[in-house]
């Protein structure tokens, strides 16, 4: 095991990430439920996640420049604070407008924290271990979702919304305190590093375009399209499941938390498998078509949610597994293509695809569900995943 995988700074980063994403995951299914109970319909419920993700993506476009000027730790601390401090204000009103205002501020913080956090993964760990490091970062992101996506809805019924909002605000603030102890490499040493390409296997020599993309001075358009496309499609599907499963199957109080748990667990398993495979094979991006195909099959199972709780859980688990594979393989592929001087750019591209898809899954699928029902929304997501699979295979081949 490379020493850097167990370095104190990397472990602290994982702890801070778990706290920040804990606050995020706790509210992801709860805020739509909050405004729905306040009188908003399916579109209003989805809009809360959509605004959060839209502001997140807009912020992420600016974060690479912030990282160069302020440094990773400062951006991560400020982002964590903005994610957590406004959250208790949600308890003041279930009206759509004030909830959207708080969601927008939280989106700024989430955008800063996500890009700075995943860029630090590439800086704190050597390129030959990026697959495993990204998987462990995925565990820090995924374990809170595993516990808190289903717990959020369940705890609301026991303690009310106010307690959930308070807990979701405290966690990212605690994460900001942990970040103060993270130490990264000096910028001079970072610039002197070789490009972050994973070591190729003897039988898998990278293409000329991949080698050019890994050059430190490569232009921005050299980042490959396949990882971003796969991330966007999978994130849209999972965003729809997380946002609308509690609304689509209101009469199944046990099945919905189980399905949310299953999709989070599936993502952890998928990331772990993909991380180890990427480091062994030296071919990041090769698993993207399999990931989108698995997620598409899972959404086909989710289609039967109103008819079968078992198919809902199985489908949600498959969506999580496929998305987990895509998350890890896409991040490592983008790091390899960008090189050390552009880790921030690669992190931004990955996070933008992740969060834009989550927002699209909430607002876009919500716009379909409002007039046509949840089956039409879930079916659209399944069709998109199956449709992009051959495109991802061709572009990653």
Foldseek 3Di string as FASTA:
>chain_A
DDPLLPDPQLVLLLLLLLLLLLLVLLCLQPLLVLLVVVPDDLLLSLVLLLLLLVLLLVLLVVQVVVCVVPNLLVLQLVLLLQLFPLQLVCVVDSHSVVSSVSSNSNSNSNSSNQLSSLLQLPQSDALLQLLVSLLSSLCSNLVSQLPRLLVSVVVCVVPNDNVSSNSSRVRSNVSSVSSVPRDTDDPVVLVPDQFSQHDADPVDDDDPLLVLLRHQPRDLVSQFDLLLLLLLLLLLLLLLLSHCVCPQAVPCSPLSSLLSSLLSVLLSVLSNVLSVVCSVHSQQLQCSLVLLLQLLVLLVLCLCVNPDSVSSNSSSNSSSNSSSNSLSSSLSSRSNSNTSNCSSSSSSSSSSSNSNSSSCSSNVLSVCCVVPRNSVSSNVSSVSSVVCSVVSNVRSD
